[in-house]
């Protein structure tokens, strides 16, 4: 998984952003679970996923404040 670009996220609708947010939260949950059990292959994915969640929340907040 790669980091999302903010300019790509801005182009998405609010519904699409909510779906992406849900997907990333599920992925973070899975990564944390695997981390605790010692099965995570790339530990840096946790940080990347958290940053993606933060980017999506920021874009969603900007869109709601603009309306």
C-alpha atoms as a PDB file:
ATOM      1  CA  UNK A   1       0.000   0.000   0.000  1.00  0.00           C
ATOM      2  CA  UNK A   2       1.295   3.422  -0.877  1.00  0.00           C
ATOM      3  CA  UNK A   3       0.571   6.811   0.651  1.00  0.00           C
ATOM      4  CA  UNK A   4      -2.388   8.632  -0.835  1.00  0.00           C
ATOM      5  CA  UNK A   5      -1.808  12.017  -2.429  1.00  0.00           C
ATOM      6  CA  UNK A   6      -3.896  14.851  -1.009  1.00  0.00           C
ATOM      7  CA  UNK A   7      -4.549  16.288  -4.464  1.00  0.00           C
ATOM      8  CA  UNK A   8      -6.035  12.946  -5.549  1.00  0.00           C
ATOM      9  CA  UNK A   9      -8.253  12.821  -2.474  1.00  0.00           C
ATOM     10  CA  UNK A  10      -9.603  16.333  -3.054  1.00  0.00           C
ATOM     11  CA  UNK A  11     -11.062  15.208  -6.385  1.00  0.00           C
ATOM     12  CA  UNK A  12     -13.167  12.471  -4.744  1.00  0.00           C
ATOM     13  CA  UNK A  13     -16.711  12.954  -3.488  1.00  0.00           C
ATOM     14  CA  UNK A  14     -17.568  12.797   0.205  1.00  0.00           C
ATOM     15  CA  UNK A  15     -19.165   9.367  -0.201  1.00  0.00           C
ATOM     16  CA  UNK A  16     -16.057   7.986  -1.883  1.00  0.00           C
ATOM     17  CA  UNK A  17     -13.895   9.441   0.868  1.00  0.00           C
ATOM     18  CA  UNK A  18     -16.038   7.815   3.544  1.00  0.00           C
ATOM     19  CA  UNK A  19     -15.685   4.444   1.802  1.00  0.00           C
ATOM     20  CA  UNK A  20     -11.896   4.883   1.574  1.00  0.00           C
ATOM     21  CA  UNK A  21     -11.769   5.910   5.225  1.00  0.00           C
ATOM     22  CA  UNK A  22     -13.642   2.777   6.247  1.00  0.00           C
ATOM     23  CA  UNK A  23     -11.267   0.640   4.163  1.00  0.00           C
ATOM     24  CA  UNK A  24      -8.187   2.211   5.743  1.00  0.00           C
ATOM     25  CA  UNK A  25      -9.594   1.851   9.269  1.00  0.00           C
ATOM     26  CA  UNK A  26     -10.227  -1.852   8.657  1.00  0.00           C
ATOM     27  CA  UNK A  27      -6.705  -2.204   7.257  1.00  0.00           C
ATOM     28  CA  UNK A  28      -5.238  -0.460  10.323  1.00  0.00           C
ATOM     29  CA  UNK A  29      -7.187  -2.781  12.613  1.00  0.00           C
ATOM     30  CA  UNK A  30      -5.839  -5.799  10.738  1.00  0.00           C
ATOM     31  CA  UNK A  31      -2.277  -4.460  10.794  1.00  0.00           C
ATOM     32  CA  UNK A  32      -2.434  -3.778  14.531  1.00  0.00           C
ATOM     33  CA  UNK A  33      -3.762  -7.259  15.185  1.00  0.00           C
ATOM     34  CA  UNK A  34      -1.034  -8.826  13.047  1.00  0.00           C
ATOM     35  CA  UNK A  35       1.566  -6.645  14.760  1.00  0.00           C
ATOM     36  CA  UNK A  36       0.583  -7.908  18.195  1.00  0.00           C
ATOM     37  CA  UNK A  37       0.738 -11.508  17.024  1.00  0.00           C
ATOM     38  CA  UNK A  38       4.098 -10.936  15.320  1.00  0.00           C
ATOM     39  CA  UNK A  39       2.948 -11.633  11.765  1.00  0.00           C
ATOM     40  CA  UNK A  40       3.299  -8.207  10.186  1.00  0.00           C
ATOM     41  CA  UNK A  41       5.664  -8.239   7.216  1.00  0.00           C
ATOM     42  CA  UNK A  42       6.085  -4.479   6.829  1.00  0.00           C
ATOM     43  CA  UNK A  43       5.718  -2.606  10.118  1.00  0.00           C
ATOM     44  CA  UNK A  44       5.946   0.754   8.335  1.00  0.00           C
ATOM     45  CA  UNK A  45       2.522   0.063   6.799  1.00  0.00           C
ATOM     46  CA  UNK A  46       0.920   0.982  10.124  1.00  0.00           C
ATOM     47  CA  UNK A  47       2.314   4.510   9.917  1.00  0.00           C
ATOM     48  CA  UNK A  48       1.402   4.882   6.252  1.00  0.00           C
ATOM     49  CA  UNK A  49      -2.163   3.762   6.954  1.00  0.00           C
ATOM     50  CA  UNK A  50      -2.511   6.169   9.889  1.00  0.00           C
ATOM     51  CA  UNK A  51      -1.301   9.043   7.718  1.00  0.00           C
ATOM     52  CA  UNK A  52      -3.748   8.078   4.964  1.00  0.00           C
ATOM     53  CA  UNK A  53      -6.580   8.157   7.505  1.00  0.00           C
ATOM     54  CA  UNK A  54      -5.460  11.592   8.688  1.00  0.00           C
ATOM     55  CA  UNK A  55      -5.315  12.896   5.101  1.00  0.00           C
ATOM     56  CA  UNK A  56      -8.819  11.647   4.362  1.00  0.00           C
ATOM     57  CA  UNK A  57     -10.197  13.166   7.571  1.00  0.00           C
ATOM     58  CA  UNK A  58      -8.551  16.485   6.713  1.00  0.00           C
ATOM     59  CA  UNK A  59     -10.043  16.539   3.212  1.00  0.00           C
ATOM     60  CA  UNK A  60     -13.470  15.580   4.569  1.00  0.00           C
ATOM     61  CA  UNK A  61     -13.288  18.363   7.139  1.00  0.00           C
ATOM     62  CA  UNK A  62     -12.286  20.885   4.463  1.00  0.00           C
ATOM     63  CA  UNK A  63     -15.192  19.808   2.262  1.00  0.00           C
ATOM     64  CA  UNK A  64     -17.734  20.108   5.087  1.00  0.00           C
ATOM     65  CA  UNK A  65     -16.418  23.516   6.111  1.00  0.00           C
ATOM     66  CA  UNK A  66     -16.574  24.721   2.503  1.00  0.00           C
ATOM     67  CA  UNK A  67     -20.281  23.832   2.278  1.00  0.00           C
END
